[in-house]
Amino acid sequence: MAIEDRGFASMERSKQRHIASKGGKAAHQKGTAHEWTSEEARAAGRKGGLASHHPKSEEPAPPGDPESAVASTPDLEQMIGPNGVI
C-alpha cells in the first residue's frame, strides 16, 4: 500500500464531506462549535490577505538562493557615480 492510498485526503470528496459534516453537526450539538461573528471573519480575512500578499522580509534567504543574489546586487543608482558613469 502506497502512502498516497491512505488517510482522509485519499478518500473521495463526497466521502470526506460526509464525514466532516458529521463532525460539524456533533460539535454544534455539543455546544463546542465556533460560530464566526462578522467582525471575527473580517479580521481573519484581513490577516490572511496580508500574509499572502507580503513576503517574509525578516527571514534571510539561504546561501545559494537565486533571489538572495538579486537582493544583494546594488541598485543601478548606487552603481552610477557622481558623474553618471558606472
N, C-alpha and C. Protein backbone atom coordinates (compact mmCIF):
# COMPACT_ATOMS: atom_id res chain seq x y z
N MET A 1 0.84 -1.17 0.00
CA MET A 1 0.00 0.00 0.00
C MET A 1 0.89 1.24 0.00
N ALA A 2 0.70 2.10 -0.96
CA ALA A 2 1.47 3.34 -1.06
C ALA A 2 0.94 4.36 -0.07
N ILE A 3 1.77 5.32 0.27
CA ILE A 3 1.36 6.37 1.22
C ILE A 3 0.17 7.14 0.67
N GLU A 4 0.12 7.34 -0.65
CA GLU A 4 -0.97 8.09 -1.26
C GLU A 4 -2.33 7.40 -1.07
N ASP A 5 -2.31 6.10 -0.81
CA ASP A 5 -3.54 5.32 -0.73
C ASP A 5 -4.14 5.30 0.67
N ARG A 6 -3.56 6.09 1.60
CA ARG A 6 -4.04 6.04 2.98
C ARG A 6 -4.62 7.38 3.40
N GLY A 7 -5.49 7.33 4.38
CA GLY A 7 -5.91 8.55 5.06
C GLY A 7 -7.06 9.29 4.43
N PHE A 8 -7.42 10.34 5.14
CA PHE A 8 -8.58 11.17 4.80
C PHE A 8 -8.43 11.82 3.42
N ALA A 9 -7.24 12.31 3.11
CA ALA A 9 -7.03 13.04 1.86
C ALA A 9 -7.18 12.14 0.63
N SER A 10 -7.00 10.84 0.78
CA SER A 10 -7.10 9.96 -0.37
C SER A 10 -8.53 9.51 -0.64
N MET A 11 -9.46 9.85 0.25
CA MET A 11 -10.87 9.45 0.06
C MET A 11 -11.52 10.29 -1.02
N GLU A 12 -12.63 9.80 -1.52
CA GLU A 12 -13.42 10.57 -2.47
C GLU A 12 -13.92 11.83 -1.77
N ARG A 13 -14.06 12.90 -2.53
CA ARG A 13 -14.50 14.18 -1.97
C ARG A 13 -15.86 14.04 -1.27
N SER A 14 -16.76 13.30 -1.84
CA SER A 14 -18.09 13.17 -1.26
C SER A 14 -18.02 12.47 0.11
N LYS A 15 -17.15 11.48 0.22
CA LYS A 15 -17.00 10.77 1.49
C LYS A 15 -16.36 11.69 2.54
N GLN A 16 -15.37 12.49 2.13
CA GLN A 16 -14.75 13.46 3.03
C GLN A 16 -15.79 14.44 3.56
N ARG A 17 -16.59 14.97 2.66
CA ARG A 17 -17.61 15.95 3.05
C ARG A 17 -18.62 15.34 4.01
N HIS A 18 -18.99 14.09 3.77
CA HIS A 18 -19.95 13.41 4.63
C HIS A 18 -19.39 13.26 6.05
N ILE A 19 -18.14 12.83 6.16
CA ILE A 19 -17.50 12.66 7.48
C ILE A 19 -17.34 14.01 8.17
N ALA A 20 -16.88 15.02 7.43
CA ALA A 20 -16.69 16.35 8.01
C ALA A 20 -18.03 16.93 8.47
N SER A 21 -19.06 16.67 7.73
CA SER A 21 -20.39 17.16 8.09
C SER A 21 -20.85 16.57 9.42
N LYS A 22 -20.58 15.27 9.61
CA LYS A 22 -20.92 14.62 10.88
C LYS A 22 -20.18 15.28 12.04
N GLY A 23 -18.91 15.59 11.83
CA GLY A 23 -18.12 16.23 12.88
C GLY A 23 -18.66 17.61 13.22
N GLY A 24 -19.01 18.37 12.21
CA GLY A 24 -19.56 19.71 12.43
C GLY A 24 -20.88 19.67 13.17
N LYS A 25 -21.75 18.74 12.78
CA LYS A 25 -23.05 18.61 13.45
C LYS A 25 -22.88 18.19 14.90
N ALA A 26 -21.96 17.28 15.16
CA ALA A 26 -21.71 16.81 16.52
C ALA A 26 -21.19 17.96 17.39
N ALA A 27 -20.31 18.78 16.83
CA ALA A 27 -19.76 19.91 17.59
C ALA A 27 -20.85 20.92 17.92
N HIS A 28 -21.76 21.17 17.00
CA HIS A 28 -22.85 22.11 17.26
C HIS A 28 -23.79 21.55 18.33
N GLN A 29 -24.09 20.26 18.26
CA GLN A 29 -24.96 19.65 19.27
C GLN A 29 -24.31 19.70 20.65
N LYS A 30 -23.01 19.49 20.70
CA LYS A 30 -22.29 19.50 21.97
C LYS A 30 -22.12 20.92 22.50
N GLY A 31 -22.19 21.91 21.60
CA GLY A 31 -22.03 23.30 22.01
C GLY A 31 -20.60 23.80 21.96
N THR A 32 -19.72 23.05 21.34
CA THR A 32 -18.31 23.45 21.28
C THR A 32 -17.92 24.02 19.92
N ALA A 33 -18.85 24.10 18.99
CA ALA A 33 -18.55 24.63 17.67
C ALA A 33 -18.38 26.15 17.73
N HIS A 34 -17.46 26.66 16.95
CA HIS A 34 -17.24 28.10 16.91
C HIS A 34 -18.07 28.71 15.79
N GLU A 35 -18.81 29.74 16.11
CA GLU A 35 -19.57 30.46 15.10
C GLU A 35 -18.96 31.84 14.96
N TRP A 36 -18.53 32.16 13.75
CA TRP A 36 -17.84 33.42 13.49
C TRP A 36 -18.81 34.59 13.52
N THR A 37 -18.39 35.67 14.17
CA THR A 37 -19.12 36.93 14.04
C THR A 37 -18.57 37.62 12.80
N SER A 38 -19.29 38.62 12.30
CA SER A 38 -18.80 39.30 11.11
C SER A 38 -17.48 40.01 11.38
N GLU A 39 -17.29 40.52 12.60
CA GLU A 39 -16.03 41.17 12.96
C GLU A 39 -14.87 40.17 12.96
N GLU A 40 -15.08 39.00 13.54
CA GLU A 40 -14.03 37.97 13.56
C GLU A 40 -13.67 37.54 12.14
N ALA A 41 -14.68 37.34 11.32
CA ALA A 41 -14.44 36.92 9.94
C ALA A 41 -13.69 38.00 9.17
N ARG A 42 -14.05 39.24 9.37
CA ARG A 42 -13.39 40.35 8.69
C ARG A 42 -11.92 40.42 9.10
N ALA A 43 -11.65 40.30 10.41
CA ALA A 43 -10.28 40.36 10.92
C ALA A 43 -9.45 39.19 10.39
N ALA A 44 -10.04 38.00 10.35
CA ALA A 44 -9.32 36.83 9.85
C ALA A 44 -9.02 36.97 8.36
N GLY A 45 -9.96 37.47 7.61
CA GLY A 45 -9.75 37.69 6.18
C GLY A 45 -8.67 38.71 5.93
N ARG A 46 -8.65 39.77 6.71
CA ARG A 46 -7.63 40.80 6.57
C ARG A 46 -6.25 40.23 6.89
N LYS A 47 -6.19 39.45 7.97
CA LYS A 47 -4.91 38.85 8.37
C LYS A 47 -4.40 37.89 7.29
N GLY A 48 -5.28 37.07 6.75
CA GLY A 48 -4.89 36.14 5.70
C GLY A 48 -4.46 36.85 4.43
N GLY A 49 -5.15 37.93 4.09
CA GLY A 49 -4.78 38.70 2.91
C GLY A 49 -3.42 39.34 3.06
N LEU A 50 -3.14 39.86 4.24
CA LEU A 50 -1.83 40.46 4.48
C LEU A 50 -0.73 39.42 4.41
N ALA A 51 -0.98 38.26 4.98
CA ALA A 51 0.04 37.20 4.99
C ALA A 51 0.32 36.69 3.59
N SER A 52 -0.68 36.60 2.75
CA SER A 52 -0.47 36.04 1.42
C SER A 52 0.10 37.05 0.43
N HIS A 53 -0.02 38.34 0.72
CA HIS A 53 0.44 39.36 -0.23
C HIS A 53 1.74 40.04 0.17
N HIS A 54 2.28 39.70 1.33
CA HIS A 54 3.53 40.31 1.77
C HIS A 54 4.56 39.21 2.04
N PRO A 55 5.67 39.26 1.31
CA PRO A 55 6.70 38.24 1.55
C PRO A 55 7.34 38.43 2.92
N LYS A 56 7.87 37.36 3.45
CA LYS A 56 8.55 37.41 4.73
C LYS A 56 9.90 38.08 4.52
N SER A 57 10.03 39.31 4.94
CA SER A 57 11.28 40.04 4.72
C SER A 57 12.25 39.85 5.89
N GLU A 58 11.78 39.30 6.99
CA GLU A 58 12.63 39.16 8.16
C GLU A 58 13.55 37.95 8.07
N GLU A 59 13.15 36.93 7.31
CA GLU A 59 13.96 35.73 7.21
C GLU A 59 15.02 35.90 6.12
N PRO A 60 16.29 35.70 6.43
CA PRO A 60 17.32 35.81 5.39
C PRO A 60 17.21 34.63 4.43
N ALA A 61 17.54 34.89 3.18
CA ALA A 61 17.49 33.84 2.17
C ALA A 61 18.65 32.88 2.40
N PRO A 62 18.45 31.59 2.14
CA PRO A 62 19.54 30.63 2.31
C PRO A 62 20.65 30.91 1.31
N PRO A 63 21.90 30.58 1.66
CA PRO A 63 23.01 30.80 0.72
C PRO A 63 22.79 30.01 -0.56
N GLY A 64 23.14 30.62 -1.67
CA GLY A 64 22.97 29.95 -2.95
C GLY A 64 21.58 30.12 -3.53
N ASP A 65 20.70 30.82 -2.82
CA ASP A 65 19.35 31.07 -3.30
C ASP A 65 19.42 32.14 -4.39
N PRO A 66 18.84 31.91 -5.57
CA PRO A 66 18.92 32.88 -6.65
C PRO A 66 18.36 34.25 -6.26
N GLU A 67 17.33 34.26 -5.41
CA GLU A 67 16.75 35.53 -5.00
C GLU A 67 17.68 36.30 -4.08
N SER A 68 18.52 35.60 -3.32
CA SER A 68 19.44 36.31 -2.43
C SER A 68 20.49 37.04 -3.25
N ALA A 69 20.84 36.51 -4.42
CA ALA A 69 21.81 37.19 -5.28
C ALA A 69 21.22 38.49 -5.81
N VAL A 70 19.93 38.46 -6.15
CA VAL A 70 19.27 39.67 -6.63
C VAL A 70 19.19 40.69 -5.51
N ALA A 71 18.86 40.24 -4.31
CA ALA A 71 18.72 41.15 -3.19
C ALA A 71 20.05 41.79 -2.81
N SER A 72 21.17 41.10 -3.03
CA SER A 72 22.46 41.64 -2.64
C SER A 72 23.11 42.47 -3.74
N THR A 73 22.52 42.49 -4.95
CA THR A 73 23.06 43.29 -6.04
C THR A 73 22.75 44.76 -5.78
N PRO A 74 23.75 45.65 -5.88
CA PRO A 74 23.48 47.06 -5.64
C PRO A 74 22.53 47.63 -6.69
N ASP A 75 21.76 48.64 -6.29
CA ASP A 75 20.86 49.30 -7.22
C ASP A 75 21.66 50.01 -8.29
N LEU A 76 21.04 50.26 -9.43
CA LEU A 76 21.70 50.96 -10.52
C LEU A 76 22.14 52.35 -10.07
N GLU A 77 21.31 53.01 -9.27
CA GLU A 77 21.65 54.34 -8.79
C GLU A 77 22.92 54.31 -7.93
N GLN A 78 23.12 53.24 -7.17
CA GLN A 78 24.30 53.12 -6.35
C GLN A 78 25.54 52.85 -7.20
N MET A 79 25.34 52.17 -8.34
CA MET A 79 26.45 51.83 -9.21
C MET A 79 26.93 53.03 -10.01
N ILE A 80 26.00 53.95 -10.29
CA ILE A 80 26.35 55.11 -11.08
C ILE A 80 27.03 56.13 -10.17
N GLY A 81 28.19 56.56 -10.56
CA GLY A 81 28.95 57.51 -9.77
C GLY A 81 28.39 58.92 -9.87
N PRO A 82 29.03 59.88 -9.21
CA PRO A 82 28.53 61.26 -9.22
C PRO A 82 28.54 61.88 -10.62
N ASN A 83 29.37 61.36 -11.53
CA ASN A 83 29.43 61.90 -12.90
C ASN A 83 28.48 61.17 -13.85
N GLY A 84 27.70 60.22 -13.31
CA GLY A 84 26.79 59.45 -14.15
C GLY A 84 27.48 58.34 -14.89
N VAL A 85 28.67 57.93 -14.40
CA VAL A 85 29.44 56.86 -15.04
C VAL A 85 29.49 55.67 -14.12
N ILE A 86 29.35 54.50 -14.70
CA ILE A 86 29.40 53.28 -13.89
C ILE A 86 30.83 52.92 -13.60
